[in-house]
Amino acid sequence: MSGSGDDARAERLAAALRENLKRRKQQARGRQAEDRVAPAGGAADRSPAAGPGEPPRDGGD
């Protein structure tokens, strides 16, 4: 490759990496916001006896 081709490739790579980093940061911020809204993630709402496809049990048998 020529020098200008290498430079253009490096610029494209740098731009792609910057966009990837921005996207990952945005996803992480979204996950943090979800954690603040539902800190348990639904796992604490399930009875230990409830299977993966079963609805949460209310515990008031």
C-alpha atoms as a PDB file:
ATOM      1  CA  MET A   1       0.000   0.000   0.000  1.00  0.00           C
ATOM      2  CA  SER A   2       1.027   3.523  -0.520  1.00  0.00           C
ATOM      3  CA  GLY A   3       1.667   6.030   2.236  1.00  0.00           C
ATOM      4  CA  SER A   4      -1.598   7.892   1.656  1.00  0.00           C
ATOM      5  CA  GLY A   5      -3.513   4.592   1.574  1.00  0.00           C
ATOM      6  CA  ASP A   6      -2.024   3.620   4.925  1.00  0.00           C
ATOM      7  CA  ASP A   7      -2.916   7.038   6.335  1.00  0.00           C
ATOM      8  CA  ALA A   8      -6.506   6.767   5.114  1.00  0.00           C
ATOM      9  CA  ARG A   9      -6.805   3.266   6.571  1.00  0.00           C
ATOM     10  CA  ALA A  10      -5.401   4.449   9.898  1.00  0.00           C
ATOM     11  CA  GLU A  11      -7.891   7.352   9.952  1.00  0.00           C
ATOM     12  CA  ARG A  12     -10.808   5.004   9.197  1.00  0.00           C
ATOM     13  CA  LEU A  13      -9.657   2.631  11.922  1.00  0.00           C
ATOM     14  CA  ALA A  14      -9.291   5.447  14.451  1.00  0.00           C
ATOM     15  CA  ALA A  15     -12.766   6.764  13.596  1.00  0.00           C
ATOM     16  CA  ALA A  16     -14.271   3.280  13.921  1.00  0.00           C
ATOM     17  CA  LEU A  17     -12.582   2.772  17.276  1.00  0.00           C
ATOM     18  CA  ARG A  18     -13.865   6.139  18.542  1.00  0.00           C
ATOM     19  CA  GLU A  19     -17.416   5.293  17.461  1.00  0.00           C
ATOM     20  CA  ASN A  20     -17.153   1.860  19.080  1.00  0.00           C
ATOM     21  CA  LEU A  21     -15.962   3.417  22.331  1.00  0.00           C
ATOM     22  CA  LYS A  22     -18.822   5.946  22.276  1.00  0.00           C
ATOM     23  CA  ARG A  23     -21.343   3.155  21.666  1.00  0.00           C
ATOM     24  CA  ARG A  24     -19.939   1.009  24.476  1.00  0.00           C
ATOM     25  CA  LYS A  25     -19.982   3.943  26.913  1.00  0.00           C
ATOM     26  CA  GLN A  26     -23.588   4.698  25.973  1.00  0.00           C
ATOM     27  CA  GLN A  27     -24.542   1.052  26.531  1.00  0.00           C
ATOM     28  CA  ALA A  28     -22.794   1.059  29.919  1.00  0.00           C
ATOM     29  CA  ARG A  29     -24.640   4.237  30.932  1.00  0.00           C
ATOM     30  CA  GLY A  30     -27.909   2.604  29.896  1.00  0.00           C
ATOM     31  CA  ARG A  31     -27.137  -0.479  31.974  1.00  0.00           C
ATOM     32  CA  GLN A  32     -26.298   1.701  34.984  1.00  0.00           C
ATOM     33  CA  ALA A  33     -29.606   3.549  34.604  1.00  0.00           C
ATOM     34  CA  GLU A  34     -31.460   0.210  34.465  1.00  0.00           C
ATOM     35  CA  ASP A  35     -29.642  -0.942  37.596  1.00  0.00           C
ATOM     36  CA  ARG A  36     -30.776   2.192  39.443  1.00  0.00           C
ATOM     37  CA  VAL A  37     -34.389   1.631  38.384  1.00  0.00           C
ATOM     38  CA  ALA A  38     -34.430  -2.134  39.144  1.00  0.00           C
ATOM     39  CA  PRO A  39     -31.386  -2.932  41.307  1.00  0.00           C
ATOM     40  CA  ALA A  40     -32.452  -6.533  41.955  1.00  0.00           C
ATOM     41  CA  GLY A  41     -32.732  -7.299  38.256  1.00  0.00           C
ATOM     42  CA  GLY A  42     -35.790  -9.433  38.988  1.00  0.00           C
ATOM     43  CA  ALA A  43     -33.736 -12.237  40.511  1.00  0.00           C
ATOM     44  CA  ALA A  44     -34.710 -11.405  44.101  1.00  0.00           C
ATOM     45  CA  ASP A  45     -38.394 -11.480  43.152  1.00  0.00           C
ATOM     46  CA  ARG A  46     -38.220 -15.198  42.353  1.00  0.00           C
ATOM     47  CA  SER A  47     -38.584 -17.961  44.831  1.00  0.00           C
ATOM     48  CA  PRO A  48     -35.578 -20.310  44.785  1.00  0.00           C
ATOM     49  CA  ALA A  49     -38.001 -23.087  43.810  1.00  0.00           C
ATOM     50  CA  ALA A  50     -39.188 -21.218  40.699  1.00  0.00           C
ATOM     51  CA  GLY A  51     -37.658 -22.542  37.500  1.00  0.00           C
ATOM     52  CA  PRO A  52     -36.428 -20.425  34.596  1.00  0.00           C
ATOM     53  CA  GLY A  53     -39.759 -20.502  32.745  1.00  0.00           C
ATOM     54  CA  GLU A  54     -41.987 -20.142  35.789  1.00  0.00           C
ATOM     55  CA  PRO A  55     -43.495 -16.880  37.035  1.00  0.00           C
ATOM     56  CA  PRO A  56     -42.316 -15.542  40.407  1.00  0.00           C
ATOM     57  CA  ARG A  57     -44.127 -16.979  43.403  1.00  0.00           C
ATOM     58  CA  ASP A  58     -45.816 -14.628  45.827  1.00  0.00           C
ATOM     59  CA  GLY A  59     -44.726 -16.565  48.927  1.00  0.00           C
ATOM     60  CA  GLY A  60     -48.161 -16.278  50.562  1.00  0.00           C
ATOM     61  CA  ASP A  61     -49.225 -19.929  50.340  1.00  0.00           C
END
